[in-house]
C-alpha atoms as a PDB file:
ATOM      1  CA  MET A   1      11.746 -16.277   8.902  1.00  0.00           C
ATOM      2  CA  ASN A   2      11.516 -12.566   8.154  1.00  0.00           C
ATOM      3  CA  ASN A   3       8.159 -10.918   7.696  1.00  0.00           C
ATOM      4  CA  LEU A   4       7.099  -9.733   4.243  1.00  0.00           C
ATOM      5  CA  LEU A   5       8.240  -6.201   4.956  1.00  0.00           C
ATOM      6  CA  ASP A   6      11.777  -7.350   5.747  1.00  0.00           C
ATOM      7  CA  GLN A   7      11.841  -9.642   2.713  1.00  0.00           C
ATOM      8  CA  VAL A   8      11.299  -6.733   0.313  1.00  0.00           C
ATOM      9  CA  GLY A   9      13.709  -4.329   1.974  1.00  0.00           C
ATOM     10  CA  GLY A  10      11.739  -2.743   4.797  1.00  0.00           C
ATOM     11  CA  THR A  11       9.867   0.506   5.120  1.00  0.00           C
ATOM     12  CA  GLY A  12      12.377   2.352   2.959  1.00  0.00           C
ATOM     13  CA  PHE A  13      11.556   0.160  -0.028  1.00  0.00           C
ATOM     14  CA  VAL A  14       7.810   0.462   0.485  1.00  0.00           C
ATOM     15  CA  ASN A  15       7.981   4.243   0.914  1.00  0.00           C
ATOM     16  CA  ARG A  16      10.158   4.652  -2.213  1.00  0.00           C
ATOM     17  CA  THR A  17       7.882   2.418  -4.298  1.00  0.00           C
ATOM     18  CA  VAL A  18       4.739   4.267  -3.233  1.00  0.00           C
ATOM     19  CA  GLY A  19       6.556   7.531  -4.019  1.00  0.00           C
ATOM     20  CA  GLU A  20       7.501   6.225  -7.476  1.00  0.00           C
ATOM     21  CA  PHE A  21       3.874   5.298  -8.127  1.00  0.00           C
ATOM     22  CA  TYR A  22       2.640   8.789  -7.267  1.00  0.00           C
ATOM     23  CA  GLN A  23       5.442  10.406  -9.234  1.00  0.00           C
ATOM     24  CA  ALA A  24       4.415   8.341 -12.271  1.00  0.00           C
ATOM     25  CA  ILE A  25       0.738   9.272 -12.024  1.00  0.00           C
ATOM     26  CA  GLY A  26       1.494  12.840 -10.923  1.00  0.00           C
ATOM     27  CA  ARG A  27       2.282  13.862 -14.481  1.00  0.00           C
ATOM     28  CA  HIS A  28      -1.389  13.346 -15.291  1.00  0.00           C
ATOM     29  CA  LEU A  29      -2.873  15.270 -12.366  1.00  0.00           C
ATOM     30  CA  SER A  30      -3.913  18.854 -11.855  1.00  0.00           C
ATOM     31  CA  GLN A  31      -2.412  20.883  -8.999  1.00  0.00           C
ATOM     32  CA  PHE A  32      -5.607  20.381  -6.959  1.00  0.00           C
ATOM     33  CA  GLU A  33      -5.523  16.600  -7.442  1.00  0.00           C
ATOM     34  CA  THR A  34      -1.835  16.466  -6.537  1.00  0.00           C
ATOM     35  CA  CYS A  35      -2.580  17.898  -3.078  1.00  0.00           C
ATOM     36  CA  ASP A  36      -5.102  15.144  -2.338  1.00  0.00           C
ATOM     37  CA  HIS A  37      -2.735  12.516  -3.676  1.00  0.00           C
ATOM     38  CA  ARG A  38       0.002  13.542  -1.237  1.00  0.00           C
ATOM     39  CA  LYS A  39      -2.344  12.463   1.545  1.00  0.00           C
ATOM     40  CA  GLN A  40      -3.059   9.215  -0.281  1.00  0.00           C
ATOM     41  CA  GLN A  41       0.652   8.563  -0.773  1.00  0.00           C
ATOM     42  CA  THR A  42       1.378   8.927   2.927  1.00  0.00           C
ATOM     43  CA  ARG A  43      -1.615   6.842   3.965  1.00  0.00           C
ATOM     44  CA  GLN A  44      -0.881   4.071   1.462  1.00  0.00           C
ATOM     45  CA  ALA A  45       2.733   3.791   2.558  1.00  0.00           C
ATOM     46  CA  GLN A  46       1.664   3.603   6.204  1.00  0.00           C
ATOM     47  CA  PHE A  47      -0.986   0.979   5.452  1.00  0.00           C
ATOM     48  CA  LEU A  48       1.380  -1.192   3.402  1.00  0.00           C
ATOM     49  CA  ASN A  49       4.113  -0.976   6.026  1.00  0.00           C
ATOM     50  CA  HIS A  50       1.582  -2.012   8.667  1.00  0.00           C
ATOM     51  CA  ALA A  51       0.076  -4.822   6.589  1.00  0.00           C
ATOM     52  CA  LEU A  52       3.451  -6.378   5.775  1.00  0.00           C
ATOM     53  CA  SER A  53       5.005  -6.072   9.226  1.00  0.00           C
ATOM     54  CA  SER A  54       4.984  -8.840  11.793  1.00  0.00           C
ATOM     55  CA  GLN A  55       3.015  -6.940  14.409  1.00  0.00           C
ATOM     56  CA  GLN A  56       0.936  -9.356  16.427  1.00  0.00           C
ATOM     57  CA  GLU A  57      -2.557  -7.956  15.916  1.00  0.00           C
ATOM     58  CA  PRO A  58      -5.867  -9.360  14.812  1.00  0.00           C
ATOM     59  CA  VAL A  59      -6.509  -9.134  11.084  1.00  0.00           C
ATOM     60  CA  ARG A  60      -9.072  -6.375  11.660  1.00  0.00           C
ATOM     61  CA  SER A  61      -6.783  -4.332  13.861  1.00  0.00           C
ATOM     62  CA  SER A  62      -7.749  -0.855  14.885  1.00  0.00           C
ATOM     63  CA  ARG A  63      -4.528   0.489  13.299  1.00  0.00           C
ATOM     64  CA  ALA A  64      -5.328  -1.143   9.939  1.00  0.00           C
ATOM     65  CA  SER A  65      -8.913   0.114  10.044  1.00  0.00           C
ATOM     66  CA  PHE A  66      -7.745   3.625  10.877  1.00  0.00           C
ATOM     67  CA  LEU A  67      -5.252   3.662   7.990  1.00  0.00           C
ATOM     68  CA  ALA A  68      -7.719   2.108   5.528  1.00  0.00           C
ATOM     69  CA  ARG A  69     -10.321   4.791   6.237  1.00  0.00           C
ATOM     70  CA  GLY A  70      -8.507   7.363   4.157  1.00  0.00           C
ATOM     71  CA  LEU A  71      -7.577   5.171   1.208  1.00  0.00           C
ATOM     72  CA  ASN A  72      -9.147   5.603  -2.200  1.00  0.00           C
ATOM     73  CA  PRO A  73     -10.024   2.036  -3.335  1.00  0.00           C
ATOM     74  CA  THR A  74      -9.142   2.666  -6.979  1.00  0.00           C
ATOM     75  CA  LEU A  75      -5.765   4.192  -6.150  1.00  0.00           C
ATOM     76  CA  PHE A  76      -5.032   1.426  -3.653  1.00  0.00           C
ATOM     77  CA  GLU A  77      -5.725  -1.264  -6.243  1.00  0.00           C
ATOM     78  CA  ALA A  78      -3.572   0.546  -8.809  1.00  0.00           C
ATOM     79  CA  MET A  79      -0.792   0.885  -6.231  1.00  0.00           C
ATOM     80  CA  LEU A  80      -0.876  -2.868  -5.536  1.00  0.00           C
ATOM     81  CA  GLU A  81      -0.607  -3.597  -9.269  1.00  0.00           C
ATOM     82  CA  PHE A  82       2.328  -1.188  -9.535  1.00  0.00           C
ATOM     83  CA  LEU A  83       4.010  -2.739  -6.490  1.00  0.00           C
ATOM     84  CA  GLU A  84       3.564  -6.263  -7.820  1.00  0.00           C
ATOM     85  CA  ALA A  85       5.082  -5.339 -11.181  1.00  0.00           C
ATOM     86  CA  ARG A  86       7.930  -3.431  -9.505  1.00  0.00           C
ATOM     87  CA  LEU A  87       8.828  -6.425  -7.329  1.00  0.00           C
ATOM     88  CA  ILE A  88       8.977  -8.722 -10.336  1.00  0.00           C
ATOM     89  CA  GLU A  89      11.006  -6.138 -12.262  1.00  0.00           C
ATOM     90  CA  LEU A  90      13.521  -6.061  -9.394  1.00  0.00           C
ATOM     91  CA  GLY A  91      13.899  -9.850  -9.454  1.00  0.00           C
ATOM     92  CA  PHE A  92      11.716 -10.861  -6.531  1.00  0.00           C
ATOM     93  CA  SER A  93       9.913 -14.162  -6.997  1.00  0.00           C
ATOM     94  CA  LEU A  94       6.401 -14.223  -8.379  1.00  0.00           C
ATOM     95  CA  GLN A  95       5.376 -16.146  -5.270  1.00  0.00           C
ATOM     96  CA  LEU A  96       6.649 -13.415  -2.929  1.00  0.00           C
ATOM     97  CA  SER A  97       5.091 -10.689  -5.062  1.00  0.00           C
ATOM     98  CA  ASN A  98       1.725 -12.453  -5.076  1.00  0.00           C
ATOM     99  CA  GLN A  99       1.887 -13.113  -1.336  1.00  0.00           C
ATOM    100  CA  LEU A 100       2.640  -9.479  -0.596  1.00  0.00           C
ATOM    101  CA  VAL A 101      -0.209  -8.162  -2.756  1.00  0.00           C
ATOM    102  CA  GLU A 102      -2.624 -10.762  -1.384  1.00  0.00           C
ATOM    103  CA  THR A 103      -1.715  -9.959   2.231  1.00  0.00           C
ATOM    104  CA  ALA A 104      -2.148  -6.209   1.794  1.00  0.00           C
ATOM    105  CA  GLY A 105      -5.278  -6.611  -0.335  1.00  0.00           C
ATOM    106  CA  ASN A 106      -6.930  -9.001   2.105  1.00  0.00           C
ATOM    107  CA  LEU A 107      -6.255  -6.737   5.063  1.00  0.00           C
ATOM    108  CA  TYR A 108      -7.699  -3.785   3.167  1.00  0.00           C
ATOM    109  CA  GLN A 109     -10.813  -5.772   2.241  1.00  0.00           C
ATOM    110  CA  ASP A 110     -11.257  -6.853   5.859  1.00  0.00           C
ATOM    111  CA  CYS A 111     -11.338  -3.247   7.023  1.00  0.00           C
ATOM    112  CA  GLU A 112     -14.669  -1.457   7.207  1.00  0.00           C
ATOM    113  CA  GLU A 113     -15.267  -0.104   3.711  1.00  0.00           C
ATOM    114  CA  ASP A 114     -18.038   2.264   4.749  1.00  0.00           C
ATOM    115  CA  LEU A 115     -15.532   4.408   6.645  1.00  0.00           C
ATOM    116  CA  GLY A 116     -13.710   5.703   3.528  1.00  0.00           C
ATOM    117  CA  ILE A 117     -13.207   9.476   3.781  1.00  0.00           C
ATOM    118  CA  ALA A 118     -10.561  10.490   1.247  1.00  0.00           C
ATOM    119  CA  CYS A 119     -10.740  11.329  -2.452  1.00  0.00           C
END
């Protein structure tokens, strides 16, 4: 069976969806905030691609912890809500959408929260 990343269309889909999220919220940001959000966009896409891939690593992998360090918790949660709604809008099953959000959310929660460094 394909991993979650393959089931939703691979890294291209994840990167486009994260880009759509930041484009949607970008209309409400100042130029200064937009700069910080470019970093968040890149980091979120990398984290989601990692979380949904089939790489054989422990849940608290060093790669996941490294990527989670720079994520803003509020933006990450909003991104997961956007992703879940986008999957359903595109006709993916509610079960797959929930599994994807739960997998990414659980991995994020398992990473060391006290290492957050970004906006």
